[in-house]
Amino acid sequence: MRSTRGTSLAGKAEKSVSIRRAVPGDAFRVKKLEIDAGLSPWPAADYEKEAVRDGSLFFVAVLKNNDSLSGFILVRLITHIQRYDKGSIPLAHAELLNIAVSSENRRSGIGRRLLLEAVKHFEADTTNLNLEVRRSNNSAIAFYKDFGFVEVAIRPGLYRDPPEDGILLSMRINK
C-alpha cells in the first residue's frame, strides 16, 4: 500500500510549479538538471528522443515565475508477452529511468509531485513501477520507500564510475 505521505505536497511547490510533458527542446535544460543531480549521464540527444518515444512518459516541472525547469521524471512502459500452454497474455510494468530536482528546489515536494504524476499516468496500463538506485544513495532510497516502494533485489556491480551495487525497488500501482 502506498504511503499517504507520498501524495502530500509542500505548499510552495504546489503553488509555484506546473508539470507538463517534456518536448525535444527541453533536452539541454534537462541535461543541466541531470548534471546538477549527479545522475548517470545520458546524451542530450537521448532525452530529445524520449520526449517523442512511444511508451515513454517524460514530464518536466516548470517554475511558474520564470519558466525555468526545476525537475524532471522519465518513465518507460515495458511490455512483453507471457506465453502459456493455451495461449499468451500481454504484461507490462513501468520503469523509472531518471528523476531529478534542481539543488535549490529539493525537499520542496517537486519530486513527489513528479512521481505522483507518473504513477497516475500508468495506473491503467501496468501493475508495478520499478527502479534501480545506487546502494549508497540513502536519501533517494528513503524518498522511494516513503512513497511506497519496497526493496526486491540487489544487482551486484550495476553501476560504474564509481562501481557500486544497485538496489531494485518496486511499487504496486494497480491491483
Protein backbone atom coordinates (compact mmCIF):
# COMPACT_ATOMS: atom_id res chain seq x y z
CA MET A 1 0.00 0.00 0.00
CA ARG A 2 1.30 3.43 -0.92
CA SER A 3 2.23 5.77 1.90
CA THR A 4 -0.20 8.63 2.38
CA ARG A 5 2.81 10.87 2.66
CA GLY A 6 3.58 10.06 -0.98
CA THR A 7 0.69 12.24 -2.05
CA SER A 8 1.29 15.22 0.23
CA LEU A 9 3.00 18.18 -1.33
CA ALA A 10 4.76 21.14 0.14
CA GLY A 11 2.55 24.18 -0.41
CA LYS A 12 5.39 26.12 -2.01
CA ALA A 13 5.89 23.56 -4.79
CA GLU A 14 2.18 23.10 -5.34
CA LYS A 15 1.64 26.82 -5.96
CA SER A 16 4.76 27.73 -7.93
CA VAL A 17 5.34 24.74 -10.23
CA SER A 18 3.45 23.33 -13.17
CA ILE A 19 4.03 19.84 -14.56
CA ARG A 20 3.95 19.31 -18.33
CA ARG A 21 5.16 16.82 -20.88
CA ALA A 22 8.73 17.34 -21.99
CA VAL A 23 9.41 18.38 -25.57
CA PRO A 24 12.65 17.81 -27.51
CA GLY A 25 13.62 21.45 -26.92
CA ASP A 26 13.84 20.74 -23.15
CA ALA A 27 16.74 18.31 -23.60
CA PHE A 28 19.58 20.71 -22.80
CA ARG A 29 17.86 22.10 -19.70
CA VAL A 30 17.12 18.53 -18.57
CA LYS A 31 20.77 17.68 -19.14
CA LYS A 32 21.75 20.54 -16.78
CA LEU A 33 19.43 19.11 -14.10
CA GLU A 34 20.92 15.65 -14.64
CA ILE A 35 24.45 17.00 -14.11
CA ASP A 36 23.37 19.03 -11.06
CA ALA A 37 21.82 15.89 -9.53
CA GLY A 38 24.86 13.70 -10.26
CA LEU A 39 22.86 11.17 -12.27
CA SER A 40 24.45 8.68 -14.65
CA PRO A 41 24.94 10.70 -17.83
CA TRP A 42 22.73 10.46 -20.89
CA PRO A 43 23.43 12.27 -24.15
CA ALA A 44 21.08 15.25 -24.66
CA ALA A 45 20.01 13.61 -27.94
CA ASP A 46 18.61 10.65 -25.96
CA TYR A 47 16.41 13.00 -23.94
CA GLU A 48 15.18 14.51 -27.22
CA LYS A 49 14.24 11.02 -28.45
CA GLU A 50 12.49 10.10 -25.20
CA ALA A 51 10.30 13.21 -25.44
CA VAL A 52 8.60 11.73 -28.53
CA ARG A 53 9.10 7.99 -27.99
CA ASP A 54 6.01 5.78 -27.76
CA GLY A 55 5.82 4.20 -24.31
CA SER A 56 7.86 6.93 -22.62
CA LEU A 57 6.45 9.31 -20.07
CA PHE A 58 8.69 12.34 -19.77
CA PHE A 59 7.46 15.18 -17.56
CA VAL A 60 9.19 18.39 -16.52
CA ALA A 61 8.43 20.65 -13.58
CA VAL A 62 8.45 24.30 -14.61
CA LEU A 63 8.68 27.21 -12.18
CA LYS A 64 5.77 29.49 -12.95
CA ASN A 65 7.57 32.71 -12.02
CA ASN A 66 10.45 32.37 -14.51
CA ASP A 67 9.75 29.33 -16.76
CA SER A 68 12.90 27.54 -15.60
CA LEU A 69 12.95 23.76 -15.25
CA SER A 70 13.11 22.68 -11.63
CA GLY A 71 12.80 18.92 -12.15
CA PHE A 72 12.04 16.06 -14.49
CA ILE A 73 10.96 12.44 -14.49
CA LEU A 74 11.39 9.85 -17.22
CA VAL A 75 9.45 6.58 -17.05
CA ARG A 76 9.11 3.93 -19.73
CA LEU A 77 6.38 1.33 -20.16
CA ILE A 78 7.96 -2.08 -20.71
CA THR A 79 5.71 -4.67 -22.34
CA HIS A 80 6.27 -8.34 -23.00
CA ILE A 81 4.22 -11.42 -23.86
CA GLN A 82 3.80 -14.15 -21.24
CA ARG A 83 3.26 -17.46 -23.01
CA TYR A 84 1.19 -20.28 -21.53
CA ASP A 85 0.22 -23.76 -22.77
CA LYS A 86 -3.13 -22.46 -24.06
CA GLY A 87 -2.12 -19.04 -25.32
CA SER A 88 -0.44 -15.86 -24.22
CA ILE A 89 -1.18 -12.65 -22.39
CA PRO A 90 0.48 -9.23 -22.71
CA LEU A 91 2.06 -7.99 -19.49
CA ALA A 92 3.58 -4.62 -18.67
CA HIS A 93 5.44 -2.79 -15.99
CA ALA A 94 6.76 0.74 -15.83
CA GLU A 95 10.41 1.51 -15.19
CA LEU A 96 11.54 4.80 -13.70
CA LEU A 97 14.68 5.66 -15.67
CA ASN A 98 15.53 9.08 -14.22
CA ILE A 99 14.18 11.66 -11.82
CA ALA A 100 15.88 14.83 -10.65
CA VAL A 101 15.06 18.11 -8.94
CA SER A 102 17.34 21.15 -9.07
CA SER A 103 19.51 21.55 -5.97
CA GLU A 104 17.77 24.80 -4.95
CA ASN A 105 14.32 23.16 -5.13
CA ARG A 106 14.98 19.82 -3.43
CA ARG A 107 12.76 18.85 -0.49
CA SER A 108 10.02 21.19 -1.69
CA GLY A 109 7.60 18.49 -2.92
CA ILE A 110 8.53 18.70 -6.61
CA GLY A 111 10.00 15.18 -6.74
CA ARG A 112 6.90 13.73 -5.07
CA ARG A 113 4.65 15.61 -7.45
CA LEU A 114 6.55 14.33 -10.50
CA LEU A 115 6.44 10.76 -9.20
CA LEU A 116 2.74 11.02 -8.38
CA GLU A 117 2.01 12.25 -11.93
CA ALA A 118 3.87 9.25 -13.36
CA VAL A 119 2.00 6.81 -11.12
CA LYS A 120 -1.36 8.32 -12.07
CA HIS A 121 -0.49 8.09 -15.76
CA PHE A 122 0.43 4.41 -15.67
CA GLU A 123 -2.23 3.13 -13.22
CA ALA A 124 -4.44 1.79 -16.00
CA ASP A 125 -1.61 0.24 -18.03
CA THR A 126 0.53 -1.65 -15.58
CA THR A 127 0.68 -3.14 -12.11
CA ASN A 128 4.20 -2.21 -10.97
CA LEU A 129 6.61 0.68 -11.15
CA ASN A 130 10.24 -0.43 -10.81
CA LEU A 131 13.51 1.44 -10.45
CA GLU A 132 17.15 0.94 -9.62
CA VAL A 133 19.14 3.14 -7.26
CA ARG A 134 22.73 3.15 -6.06
CA ARG A 135 23.13 1.31 -2.78
CA SER A 136 24.83 4.39 -1.24
CA ASN A 137 22.05 6.83 -2.21
CA ASN A 138 20.35 6.80 1.18
CA SER A 139 18.26 9.94 0.62
CA ALA A 140 16.80 8.56 -2.62
CA ILE A 141 16.11 5.17 -1.04
CA ALA A 142 14.31 6.86 1.87
CA PHE A 143 12.30 9.00 -0.59
CA TYR A 144 11.18 5.96 -2.59
CA LYS A 145 10.38 3.84 0.47
CA ASP A 146 8.36 6.70 1.94
CA PHE A 147 6.40 6.78 -1.30
CA GLY A 148 5.64 3.04 -1.02
CA PHE A 149 8.45 1.28 -2.88
CA VAL A 150 9.92 -1.91 -1.42
CA GLU A 151 13.31 -3.47 -1.99
CA VAL A 152 13.07 -6.59 -4.13
CA ALA A 153 16.65 -7.38 -5.18
CA ILE A 154 20.29 -6.35 -5.17
CA ARG A 155 22.03 -6.05 -8.54
CA PRO A 156 25.75 -6.53 -7.90
CA GLY A 157 28.04 -4.22 -9.87
CA LEU A 158 25.18 -2.47 -11.68
CA TYR A 159 26.79 0.97 -11.64
CA ARG A 160 30.15 2.16 -12.94
CA ASP A 161 32.08 5.34 -12.23
CA PRO A 162 32.25 4.61 -9.37
CA PRO A 163 31.48 0.88 -9.29
CA GLU A 164 28.57 0.10 -6.99
CA ASP A 165 25.72 -2.31 -6.45
CA GLY A 166 22.20 -1.28 -7.37
CA ILE A 167 19.04 -1.86 -5.39
CA LEU A 168 15.92 -2.81 -7.31
CA LEU A 169 12.81 -1.20 -5.78
CA SER A 170 9.25 -1.84 -6.85
CA MET A 171 5.83 -0.42 -6.05
CA ARG A 172 2.48 -1.93 -6.93
CA ILE A 173 0.39 0.79 -8.60
CA ASN A 174 -2.62 -1.17 -9.82
CA LYS A 175 -4.16 -4.29 -8.35
